[in-house]
C-alpha cells in the first residue's frame, strides 16, 4: 500500500545515507523501523509481583535500635 508521510529533513537524509551504505532501500528501513516500534509497544506487561509481608514481630530486641552496620556485621561476620 502506498502512503505519504512527512519526516524531518535531517531524519530523512540520515536514513537515505544509511540505506546507501547498507545497500538497501529507504522503504525497507522505514518498514523495519515501524515493525520495531510496534513490537516494543505490543510487549505484554509483566506479571504483577505479589508482596507477602513477613508475619513476625520485626527485629529482635538486640537489633531493634541497631544501625545497618551492626546488622550487616552480624549477618556477614564483619565481611563486606
C-alpha atoms as a PDB file:
ATOM      1  CA  UNK A   1       0.000   0.000   0.000  1.00  0.00           C
ATOM      2  CA  UNK A   2       1.302   3.435  -0.796  1.00  0.00           C
ATOM      3  CA  UNK A   3       1.075   6.361   1.582  1.00  0.00           C
ATOM      4  CA  UNK A   4       2.687   9.740   2.123  1.00  0.00           C
ATOM      5  CA  UNK A   5       4.399  10.715   5.346  1.00  0.00           C
ATOM      6  CA  UNK A   6       6.284  13.831   6.376  1.00  0.00           C
ATOM      7  CA  UNK A   7       9.675  13.379   8.030  1.00  0.00           C
ATOM      8  CA  UNK A   8      12.160  15.908   9.354  1.00  0.00           C
ATOM      9  CA  UNK A   9      14.794  16.641   6.682  1.00  0.00           C
ATOM     10  CA  UNK A  10      17.648  15.525   8.950  1.00  0.00           C
ATOM     11  CA  UNK A  11      15.985  12.162   9.692  1.00  0.00           C
ATOM     12  CA  UNK A  12      15.235  11.517   6.044  1.00  0.00           C
ATOM     13  CA  UNK A  13      18.800  12.351   4.979  1.00  0.00           C
ATOM     14  CA  UNK A  14      20.334  10.122   7.675  1.00  0.00           C
ATOM     15  CA  UNK A  15      18.035   7.291   6.627  1.00  0.00           C
ATOM     16  CA  UNK A  16      18.913   7.677   2.948  1.00  0.00           C
ATOM     17  CA  UNK A  17      22.637   7.636   3.772  1.00  0.00           C
ATOM     18  CA  UNK A  18      22.212   4.508   5.879  1.00  0.00           C
ATOM     19  CA  UNK A  19      20.240   2.813   3.103  1.00  0.00           C
ATOM     20  CA  UNK A  20      23.008   3.573   0.586  1.00  0.00           C
ATOM     21  CA  UNK A  21      25.718   2.411   2.994  1.00  0.00           C
ATOM     22  CA  UNK A  22      23.896  -0.864   3.703  1.00  0.00           C
ATOM     23  CA  UNK A  23      22.811  -1.424   0.106  1.00  0.00           C
ATOM     24  CA  UNK A  24      19.128  -1.396   0.994  1.00  0.00           C
ATOM     25  CA  UNK A  25      16.186   0.895   0.336  1.00  0.00           C
ATOM     26  CA  UNK A  26      14.588   3.724   2.232  1.00  0.00           C
ATOM     27  CA  UNK A  27      11.351   1.751   2.118  1.00  0.00           C
ATOM     28  CA  UNK A  28      12.883  -1.294   3.819  1.00  0.00           C
ATOM     29  CA  UNK A  29      14.430   0.823   6.583  1.00  0.00           C
ATOM     30  CA  UNK A  30      11.136   2.619   7.243  1.00  0.00           C
ATOM     31  CA  UNK A  31       9.325  -0.729   7.325  1.00  0.00           C
ATOM     32  CA  UNK A  32      11.912  -2.173   9.729  1.00  0.00           C
ATOM     33  CA  UNK A  33      11.636   0.877  11.978  1.00  0.00           C
ATOM     34  CA  UNK A  34       7.857   0.669  12.107  1.00  0.00           C
ATOM     35  CA  UNK A  35       7.980  -3.046  12.921  1.00  0.00           C
ATOM     36  CA  UNK A  36      10.447  -2.403  15.759  1.00  0.00           C
ATOM     37  CA  UNK A  37       8.318   0.439  17.139  1.00  0.00           C
ATOM     38  CA  UNK A  38       5.182  -1.699  17.046  1.00  0.00           C
ATOM     39  CA  UNK A  39       6.913  -4.678  18.638  1.00  0.00           C
ATOM     40  CA  UNK A  40       8.227  -2.578  21.526  1.00  0.00           C
ATOM     41  CA  UNK A  41       4.742  -1.206  22.192  1.00  0.00           C
ATOM     42  CA  UNK A  42       2.974  -4.560  21.886  1.00  0.00           C
ATOM     43  CA  UNK A  43       5.028  -6.324  24.550  1.00  0.00           C
ATOM     44  CA  UNK A  44       2.880  -7.969  27.141  1.00  0.00           C
ATOM     45  CA  UNK A  45       3.036  -6.319  30.544  1.00  0.00           C
ATOM     46  CA  UNK A  46       4.931  -8.285  33.137  1.00  0.00           C
ATOM     47  CA  UNK A  47       3.027 -10.105  35.822  1.00  0.00           C
ATOM     48  CA  UNK A  48       2.343  -8.171  38.973  1.00  0.00           C
ATOM     49  CA  UNK A  49       4.552  -9.005  41.918  1.00  0.00           C
ATOM     50  CA  UNK A  50       2.731 -10.343  44.939  1.00  0.00           C
ATOM     51  CA  UNK A  51       4.082  -8.936  48.177  1.00  0.00           C
ATOM     52  CA  UNK A  52       3.725 -11.223  51.152  1.00  0.00           C
ATOM     53  CA  UNK A  53       4.630  -9.370  54.329  1.00  0.00           C
ATOM     54  CA  UNK A  54       6.678 -11.134  56.957  1.00  0.00           C
ATOM     55  CA  UNK A  55       4.470 -12.460  59.715  1.00  0.00           C
ATOM     56  CA  UNK A  56       6.594 -11.702  62.732  1.00  0.00           C
ATOM     57  CA  UNK A  57       7.420  -9.138  65.372  1.00  0.00           C
ATOM     58  CA  UNK A  58      10.197  -7.412  63.446  1.00  0.00           C
ATOM     59  CA  UNK A  59      13.755  -7.224  64.713  1.00  0.00           C
ATOM     60  CA  UNK A  60      14.827  -8.956  67.869  1.00  0.00           C
ATOM     61  CA  UNK A  61      15.445  -6.664  70.863  1.00  0.00           C
ATOM     62  CA  UNK A  62      19.262  -6.608  70.429  1.00  0.00           C
ATOM     63  CA  UNK A  63      18.879  -5.286  66.851  1.00  0.00           C
ATOM     64  CA  UNK A  64      15.751  -3.114  67.197  1.00  0.00           C
ATOM     65  CA  UNK A  65      17.747   0.114  67.638  1.00  0.00           C
ATOM     66  CA  UNK A  66      20.921  -1.057  65.870  1.00  0.00           C
ATOM     67  CA  UNK A  67      22.243   0.611  62.761  1.00  0.00           C
ATOM     68  CA  UNK A  68      22.707  -1.133  59.446  1.00  0.00           C
ATOM     69  CA  UNK A  69      26.464  -1.613  60.066  1.00  0.00           C
ATOM     70  CA  UNK A  70      25.738  -3.637  63.204  1.00  0.00           C
ATOM     71  CA  UNK A  71      23.107  -5.767  61.480  1.00  0.00           C
ATOM     72  CA  UNK A  72      25.301  -6.335  58.405  1.00  0.00           C
ATOM     73  CA  UNK A  73      28.280  -7.308  60.575  1.00  0.00           C
ATOM     74  CA  UNK A  74      26.134  -9.833  62.404  1.00  0.00           C
ATOM     75  CA  UNK A  75      24.880 -11.325  59.136  1.00  0.00           C
ATOM     76  CA  UNK A  76      28.218 -11.424  57.335  1.00  0.00           C
ATOM     77  CA  UNK A  77      30.583 -11.712  60.259  1.00  0.00           C
ATOM     78  CA  UNK A  78      32.316  -8.424  59.533  1.00  0.00           C
ATOM     79  CA  UNK A  79      32.987  -9.332  55.842  1.00  0.00           C
ATOM     80  CA  UNK A  80      31.967  -6.884  53.141  1.00  0.00           C
END
